[in-house]
Amino acid sequence: MPPPPQDPFAALLARDSAGHGNNHTRPPLSLFRALLPLLGETILKLVVSGEGSSRTGVMIPIPQYPLYSATLAELNAQQINYFLDEDNGWALNIEELRRALVQARRHCEPRVLCVINPGNPTGQVQSRKCIEEVIRFAWEERLFLMADEVYQDNVYAEGSKFHSFKKVLFEMGPKYSESLELASFHSISKGFMGECGFRGGYMEVINMDPAVQQQLTKLVSVRLCPPVTGQILLDAVVNRPQPGDPSYQQFSQEKAAVLGALARKARLTEEIFNRAPGIHCNPVQGAMYAFPRIELPARAVQEAQAQGQAPDMFFCLRLLEETGICVVPGSGFGQREGTFHFR
């Protein structure tokens, strides 16, 4: 069994409060850090159980990152869809969460709520008010909250700001911070680093029962050790150059250049799509994606159905064949019935 993360790395994570920029002097009641390229799969393995009406339900946003639905299918968990509000900039609506939860309780046991912020594939950044409402909702309904925050450095729109769930949770006081179970995720694959190939990431878990935490440690440990290069890069991510360090000025310039270029591309993408007939694109507030809605003629929908394809897949294939532009059909991420998108 590999050893746990060494003290120097754990100290770095603690200082940076798991990379979220939250300098809390008060530690959480239960904390677990993993130096591994983790997805929510590890957490889900702990909570998924049962068959039929006792089957574990996991609430995920629609549109969603497809690996969530794939993982739930692999673990035989019940996927509970809640729809983001496209007409309101892909906002997360609490009433929609309640609708999905009440409906799901008829046939499963909802236990987990997953939130992706900034959004993938939708590119929205949730407001602090929204995050507070989600925390209250999860606390009231006794749901384990999973916060996928791997795009936290990618915020572009004026007036948008990233708020980590952990930071907001602790600022809401002990009523919530001492009892709500929360797992936060971050990665070196996104942000301004963009080192996808090294598969480095980590999670921080708060308020987990010690006995369950012990099982989580076992689940992480049996996956053995991540590549050394990924560990080195992860150390660089959480231990960034500070003012006064020899490389600080160059680091700051390169970081600003990368994020500035992404912000310009986000605005340009939004503008170009909204000029095109039949395409509507919400403001790209963050992350690395736009998820525009497309209006397809009835004949195109009929032709797609005749070929056994989703209409947006039909559109994307024709776009690729005629222009060489490759996009991903929205049906792969989930969308409201009767709407079509691409990422």
Protein backbone atom coordinates (compact mmCIF):
# COMPACT_ATOMS: atom_id res chain seq x y z
CA MET A 1 0.00 0.00 0.00
CA PRO A 2 1.50 3.38 -0.94
CA PRO A 3 2.10 5.92 1.80
CA PRO A 4 -0.29 8.85 2.25
CA PRO A 5 0.72 12.29 0.94
CA GLN A 6 3.82 13.46 2.75
CA ASP A 7 3.63 16.25 5.31
CA PRO A 8 5.22 18.97 3.12
CA PHE A 9 2.60 18.50 0.42
CA ALA A 10 -0.22 18.28 2.95
CA ALA A 11 1.05 21.50 4.49
CA LEU A 12 0.98 23.20 1.10
CA LEU A 13 -2.59 22.12 0.55
CA ALA A 14 -3.57 23.25 4.02
CA ARG A 15 -1.95 26.63 3.51
CA ASP A 16 -3.78 27.15 0.25
CA SER A 17 -6.91 25.53 1.69
CA ALA A 18 -6.99 22.82 -0.96
CA GLY A 19 -6.16 25.23 -3.73
CA HIS A 20 -9.31 27.28 -3.34
CA GLY A 21 -7.68 30.39 -1.95
CA ASN A 22 -9.55 30.09 1.33
CA ASN A 23 -7.29 30.94 4.24
CA HIS A 24 -9.36 29.63 7.12
CA THR A 25 -7.67 29.33 10.49
CA ARG A 26 -10.34 26.95 11.70
CA PRO A 27 -9.81 23.45 10.25
CA PRO A 28 -12.74 21.33 9.10
CA LEU A 29 -13.87 18.54 11.39
CA SER A 30 -12.89 15.81 8.97
CA LEU A 31 -10.36 16.30 6.20
CA PHE A 32 -8.96 13.93 3.60
CA ARG A 33 -6.58 14.90 0.82
CA ALA A 34 -5.55 12.66 -2.02
CA LEU A 35 -2.64 13.19 -4.37
CA LEU A 36 -4.25 11.27 -7.21
CA PRO A 37 -5.98 11.92 -10.54
CA LEU A 38 -9.37 11.40 -8.90
CA LEU A 39 -12.86 11.70 -10.24
CA GLY A 40 -16.05 11.51 -8.24
CA GLU A 41 -15.99 7.76 -8.82
CA THR A 42 -14.09 7.16 -5.57
CA ILE A 43 -16.67 9.02 -3.50
CA LEU A 44 -19.58 7.43 -5.34
CA LYS A 45 -18.27 3.94 -4.62
CA LEU A 46 -18.73 4.68 -0.93
CA VAL A 47 -22.35 5.75 -1.15
CA VAL A 48 -23.81 3.65 -3.96
CA SER A 49 -25.82 0.66 -2.79
CA GLY A 50 -29.21 -1.01 -2.98
CA GLU A 51 -31.58 -2.19 -5.67
CA GLY A 52 -35.01 -1.06 -6.74
CA SER A 53 -36.50 1.69 -4.58
CA SER A 54 -33.46 1.58 -2.24
CA ARG A 55 -31.03 2.17 -5.09
CA THR A 56 -28.73 5.16 -4.56
CA GLY A 57 -29.63 8.25 -6.56
CA VAL A 58 -27.11 10.89 -7.63
CA MET A 59 -28.26 14.32 -8.81
CA ILE A 60 -26.26 15.70 -11.74
CA PRO A 61 -26.77 18.82 -13.87
CA ILE A 62 -28.07 18.65 -17.41
CA PRO A 63 -26.16 19.46 -19.56
CA GLN A 64 -23.44 17.48 -17.79
CA TYR A 65 -19.91 16.19 -18.12
CA PRO A 66 -20.51 12.73 -19.69
CA LEU A 67 -18.11 10.88 -17.41
CA TYR A 68 -20.54 11.44 -14.55
CA SER A 69 -23.37 9.58 -16.27
CA ALA A 70 -20.93 6.89 -17.42
CA THR A 71 -19.64 6.38 -13.87
CA LEU A 72 -23.17 6.17 -12.48
CA ALA A 73 -24.06 3.55 -15.07
CA GLU A 74 -20.93 1.56 -14.22
CA LEU A 75 -21.77 1.64 -10.49
CA ASN A 76 -25.46 0.84 -11.11
CA ALA A 77 -26.52 4.09 -9.43
CA GLN A 78 -29.67 5.97 -10.37
CA GLN A 79 -28.97 9.13 -12.36
CA ILE A 80 -31.18 12.03 -11.27
CA ASN A 81 -31.22 14.85 -13.80
CA TYR A 82 -31.76 18.46 -12.83
CA PHE A 83 -31.85 20.97 -15.68
CA LEU A 84 -29.85 24.18 -15.72
CA ASP A 85 -31.82 27.28 -16.75
CA GLU A 86 -30.60 28.13 -20.24
CA ASP A 87 -32.81 31.21 -20.51
CA ASN A 88 -31.12 32.58 -17.38
CA GLY A 89 -27.50 32.01 -18.40
CA TRP A 90 -27.48 28.33 -17.35
CA ALA A 91 -28.20 29.26 -13.73
CA LEU A 92 -28.90 26.58 -11.14
CA ASN A 93 -32.47 26.92 -9.91
CA ILE A 94 -33.31 25.58 -6.43
CA GLU A 95 -36.91 24.88 -7.40
CA GLU A 96 -35.61 22.67 -10.20
CA LEU A 97 -33.48 20.81 -7.65
CA ARG A 98 -36.56 20.26 -5.49
CA ARG A 99 -38.59 19.04 -8.46
CA ALA A 100 -35.92 16.51 -9.40
CA LEU A 101 -35.49 15.35 -5.80
CA VAL A 102 -39.19 14.85 -5.10
CA GLN A 103 -39.68 12.99 -8.35
CA ALA A 104 -36.64 10.77 -7.75
CA ARG A 105 -37.71 9.74 -4.26
CA ARG A 106 -40.55 7.78 -5.80
CA HIS A 107 -38.13 5.21 -7.17
CA CYS A 108 -34.71 5.59 -5.46
CA GLU A 109 -32.84 7.01 -2.45
CA PRO A 110 -31.18 10.31 -3.46
CA ARG A 111 -27.94 10.69 -1.51
CA VAL A 112 -25.58 12.84 -3.58
CA LEU A 113 -25.81 16.24 -5.27
CA CYS A 114 -23.15 17.08 -7.85
CA VAL A 115 -22.50 20.66 -8.96
CA ILE A 116 -20.06 21.71 -11.71
CA ASN A 117 -18.89 25.30 -11.25
CA PRO A 118 -17.70 26.87 -13.51
CA GLY A 119 -19.85 24.80 -15.81
CA ASN A 120 -18.87 22.12 -18.30
CA PRO A 121 -20.13 22.22 -21.04
CA THR A 122 -22.20 25.33 -20.36
CA GLY A 123 -19.54 27.86 -19.35
CA GLN A 124 -21.51 29.60 -16.58
CA VAL A 125 -20.19 30.79 -13.20
CA GLN A 126 -22.69 30.43 -10.38
CA SER A 127 -23.28 33.40 -8.08
CA ARG A 128 -22.54 33.36 -4.38
CA LYS A 129 -26.27 33.55 -3.66
CA CYS A 130 -26.81 30.42 -5.75
CA ILE A 131 -24.04 28.57 -3.90
CA GLU A 132 -25.52 29.51 -0.53
CA GLU A 133 -28.91 28.22 -1.67
CA VAL A 134 -27.39 24.96 -2.85
CA ILE A 135 -25.62 24.48 0.49
CA ARG A 136 -28.86 25.06 2.40
CA PHE A 137 -30.70 22.67 0.10
CA ALA A 138 -28.10 19.91 0.51
CA TRP A 139 -28.07 20.44 4.29
CA GLU A 140 -31.86 20.32 4.58
CA GLU A 141 -32.13 17.21 2.42
CA ARG A 142 -29.10 15.47 3.98
CA LEU A 143 -27.29 15.12 0.65
CA PHE A 144 -23.56 14.60 0.18
CA LEU A 145 -22.39 17.58 -1.88
CA MET A 146 -19.80 17.08 -4.64
CA ALA A 147 -18.29 20.33 -5.96
CA ASP A 148 -16.47 19.94 -9.27
CA GLU A 149 -14.40 23.13 -9.34
CA VAL A 150 -11.65 22.25 -11.80
CA TYR A 151 -12.27 25.40 -13.89
CA GLN A 152 -12.06 27.80 -10.94
CA ASP A 153 -9.24 29.85 -12.53
CA ASN A 154 -11.18 30.23 -15.79
CA VAL A 155 -13.51 33.19 -15.13
CA TYR A 156 -13.83 35.79 -17.88
CA ALA A 157 -17.09 37.74 -17.81
CA GLU A 158 -17.26 41.12 -16.12
CA GLY A 159 -19.10 40.81 -12.82
CA SER A 160 -18.52 37.07 -12.58
CA LYS A 161 -16.47 35.68 -9.72
CA PHE A 162 -15.63 32.17 -8.60
CA HIS A 163 -16.75 31.27 -5.08
CA SER A 164 -15.65 27.91 -3.75
CA PHE A 165 -18.24 25.85 -1.93
CA LYS A 166 -15.86 25.29 0.97
CA LYS A 167 -15.25 29.00 1.48
CA VAL A 168 -18.93 29.86 1.35
CA LEU A 169 -19.79 26.91 3.58
CA PHE A 170 -17.49 28.10 6.36
CA GLU A 171 -18.65 31.69 6.03
CA MET A 172 -22.24 30.52 6.54
CA GLY A 173 -21.39 29.45 10.07
CA PRO A 174 -21.18 26.26 12.15
CA LYS A 175 -24.81 25.29 11.55
CA TYR A 176 -23.72 24.20 8.08
CA SER A 177 -19.92 23.96 8.25
CA GLU A 178 -19.91 21.41 11.06
CA SER A 179 -22.34 18.97 9.49
CA LEU A 180 -22.63 19.23 5.70
CA GLU A 181 -20.56 16.57 3.94
CA LEU A 182 -18.64 18.16 1.07
CA ALA A 183 -16.08 16.89 -1.43
CA SER A 184 -14.27 19.51 -3.55
CA PHE A 185 -12.30 18.61 -6.68
CA HIS A 186 -9.48 20.37 -8.49
CA SER A 187 -7.07 19.40 -11.29
CA ILE A 188 -3.92 20.47 -13.11
CA SER A 189 -5.66 19.67 -16.41
CA LYS A 190 -7.63 22.93 -16.57
CA GLY A 191 -7.16 26.51 -15.40
CA PHE A 192 -4.19 28.31 -16.92
CA MET A 193 -1.97 25.24 -16.56
CA GLY A 194 -3.76 22.98 -19.03
CA GLU A 195 -1.59 19.93 -18.32
CA CYS A 196 -4.20 17.32 -19.22
CA GLY A 197 -1.77 14.57 -20.12
CA PHE A 198 -0.22 14.32 -16.66
CA ARG A 199 -3.51 13.35 -14.97
CA GLY A 200 -2.89 15.17 -11.71
CA GLY A 201 -5.63 16.24 -9.34
CA TYR A 202 -6.89 16.11 -5.79
CA MET A 203 -9.97 16.28 -3.65
CA GLU A 204 -10.71 17.54 -0.17
CA VAL A 205 -13.44 15.96 1.90
CA ILE A 206 -15.08 17.70 4.85
CA ASN A 207 -17.26 16.31 7.65
CA MET A 208 -16.98 12.69 6.57
CA ASP A 209 -17.60 10.09 9.26
CA PRO A 210 -14.21 8.71 10.43
CA ALA A 211 -15.21 5.12 9.66
CA VAL A 212 -16.25 6.09 6.12
CA GLN A 213 -13.11 8.17 5.76
CA GLN A 214 -11.06 5.09 6.57
CA GLN A 215 -12.76 3.21 3.73
CA LEU A 216 -12.11 6.13 1.39
CA THR A 217 -8.42 5.93 2.28
CA LYS A 218 -8.46 2.24 1.36
CA LEU A 219 -10.19 2.89 -1.96
CA VAL A 220 -7.63 5.53 -2.87
CA SER A 221 -4.69 3.42 -1.71
CA VAL A 222 -5.48 0.37 -3.84
CA ARG A 223 -5.13 2.55 -6.95
CA LEU A 224 -1.41 2.69 -6.19
CA CYS A 225 0.75 5.70 -6.93
CA PRO A 226 0.13 8.33 -9.63
CA PRO A 227 2.96 9.20 -12.05
CA VAL A 228 5.75 11.20 -10.44
CA THR A 229 5.55 13.92 -13.10
CA GLY A 230 1.91 14.54 -12.25
CA GLN A 231 2.79 14.84 -8.57
CA ILE A 232 5.53 17.37 -9.36
CA LEU A 233 3.16 19.48 -11.46
CA LEU A 234 0.49 19.33 -8.79
CA ASP A 235 3.01 20.60 -6.26
CA ALA A 236 3.78 23.49 -8.63
CA VAL A 237 0.08 24.30 -8.92
CA VAL A 238 -0.56 24.53 -5.18
CA ASN A 239 2.83 26.11 -4.42
CA ARG A 240 2.82 28.96 -6.93
CA PRO A 241 5.53 31.65 -6.99
CA GLN A 242 4.92 34.34 -4.40
CA PRO A 243 5.78 38.07 -4.46
CA GLY A 244 9.51 38.37 -3.94
CA ASP A 245 10.34 35.03 -5.55
CA PRO A 246 12.72 35.24 -8.57
CA SER A 247 10.13 33.75 -10.94
CA TYR A 248 7.09 35.63 -9.64
CA GLN A 249 7.06 38.36 -12.30
CA GLN A 250 7.42 35.92 -15.19
CA PHE A 251 4.80 33.61 -13.68
CA SER A 252 2.33 36.47 -13.28
CA GLN A 253 2.89 37.65 -16.84
CA GLU A 254 2.45 34.18 -18.32
CA LYS A 255 -0.65 33.50 -16.23
CA ALA A 256 -2.22 36.82 -17.27
CA ALA A 257 -1.37 36.16 -20.92
CA VAL A 258 -3.01 32.72 -20.92
CA LEU A 259 -6.16 33.82 -19.11
CA GLY A 260 -6.36 37.02 -21.17
CA ALA A 261 -6.19 35.05 -24.41
CA LEU A 262 -8.89 32.66 -23.20
CA ALA A 263 -11.12 35.60 -22.23
CA ARG A 264 -10.73 37.18 -25.69
CA LYS A 265 -11.53 33.87 -27.37
CA ALA A 266 -14.59 33.43 -25.14
CA ARG A 267 -15.96 36.84 -26.15
CA LEU A 268 -15.14 36.25 -29.82
CA THR A 269 -16.80 32.83 -29.79
CA GLU A 270 -19.97 34.23 -28.24
CA GLU A 271 -20.09 37.15 -30.69
CA ILE A 272 -19.56 35.01 -33.79
CA PHE A 273 -22.19 32.45 -32.81
CA ASN A 274 -24.78 35.12 -32.05
CA ARG A 275 -24.26 36.67 -35.49
CA ALA A 276 -25.09 33.39 -37.22
CA PRO A 277 -28.74 32.78 -38.15
CA GLY A 278 -30.34 30.03 -36.11
CA ILE A 279 -27.69 30.00 -33.37
CA HIS A 280 -27.97 31.50 -29.89
CA CYS A 281 -25.06 31.47 -27.44
CA ASN A 282 -25.27 32.52 -23.79
CA PRO A 283 -22.40 34.59 -22.39
CA VAL A 284 -19.32 32.44 -21.81
CA GLN A 285 -18.61 33.43 -18.22
CA GLY A 286 -15.97 30.80 -17.48
CA ALA A 287 -14.53 27.31 -18.04
CA MET A 288 -13.35 26.51 -21.58
CA TYR A 289 -16.54 25.91 -23.52
CA ALA A 290 -19.54 27.47 -25.20
CA PHE A 291 -22.76 25.50 -25.56
CA PRO A 292 -24.86 27.32 -28.19
CA ARG A 293 -28.41 26.34 -29.05
CA ILE A 294 -29.17 25.69 -32.70
CA GLU A 295 -32.50 25.86 -34.52
CA LEU A 296 -32.81 23.04 -37.05
CA PRO A 297 -35.35 23.00 -39.89
CA ALA A 298 -38.01 20.31 -39.71
CA ARG A 299 -36.59 18.65 -42.83
CA ALA A 300 -33.17 18.37 -41.21
CA VAL A 301 -34.72 16.75 -38.13
CA GLN A 302 -36.65 14.32 -40.32
CA GLU A 303 -33.54 13.43 -42.34
CA ALA A 304 -31.57 12.82 -39.14
CA GLN A 305 -34.28 10.53 -37.83
CA ALA A 306 -34.37 8.67 -41.13
CA GLN A 307 -30.64 8.03 -40.76
CA GLY A 308 -31.00 6.94 -37.14
CA GLN A 309 -29.07 9.93 -35.81
CA ALA A 310 -29.79 12.55 -33.19
CA PRO A 311 -30.57 15.82 -35.02
CA ASP A 312 -27.62 17.66 -33.48
CA MET A 313 -25.31 14.77 -34.36
CA PHE A 314 -26.58 15.04 -37.94
CA PHE A 315 -25.79 18.77 -37.89
CA CYS A 316 -22.31 18.25 -36.43
CA LEU A 317 -21.40 15.59 -38.99
CA ARG A 318 -22.56 17.78 -41.88
CA LEU A 319 -20.62 20.71 -40.42
CA LEU A 320 -17.49 18.57 -40.25
CA GLU A 321 -17.91 17.23 -43.77
CA GLU A 322 -18.59 20.60 -45.39
CA THR A 323 -16.29 22.91 -43.41
CA GLY A 324 -13.80 20.74 -41.52
CA ILE A 325 -15.01 22.27 -38.23
CA CYS A 326 -15.32 19.67 -35.47
CA VAL A 327 -17.80 20.25 -32.63
CA VAL A 328 -19.48 17.87 -30.18
CA PRO A 329 -23.27 17.30 -30.35
CA GLY A 330 -25.25 18.46 -27.34
CA SER A 331 -27.12 15.17 -27.12
CA GLY A 332 -23.96 13.66 -25.64
CA PHE A 333 -24.21 16.03 -22.66
CA GLY A 334 -27.96 15.96 -22.17
CA GLN A 335 -30.43 18.73 -23.03
CA ARG A 336 -34.09 19.54 -22.69
CA GLU A 337 -36.27 17.61 -25.08
CA GLY A 338 -36.85 19.47 -28.32
CA THR A 339 -33.69 21.58 -28.05
CA PHE A 340 -30.42 21.08 -29.90
CA HIS A 341 -26.91 22.25 -29.04
CA PHE A 342 -23.25 21.65 -29.65
CA ARG A 343 -20.10 22.27 -27.63
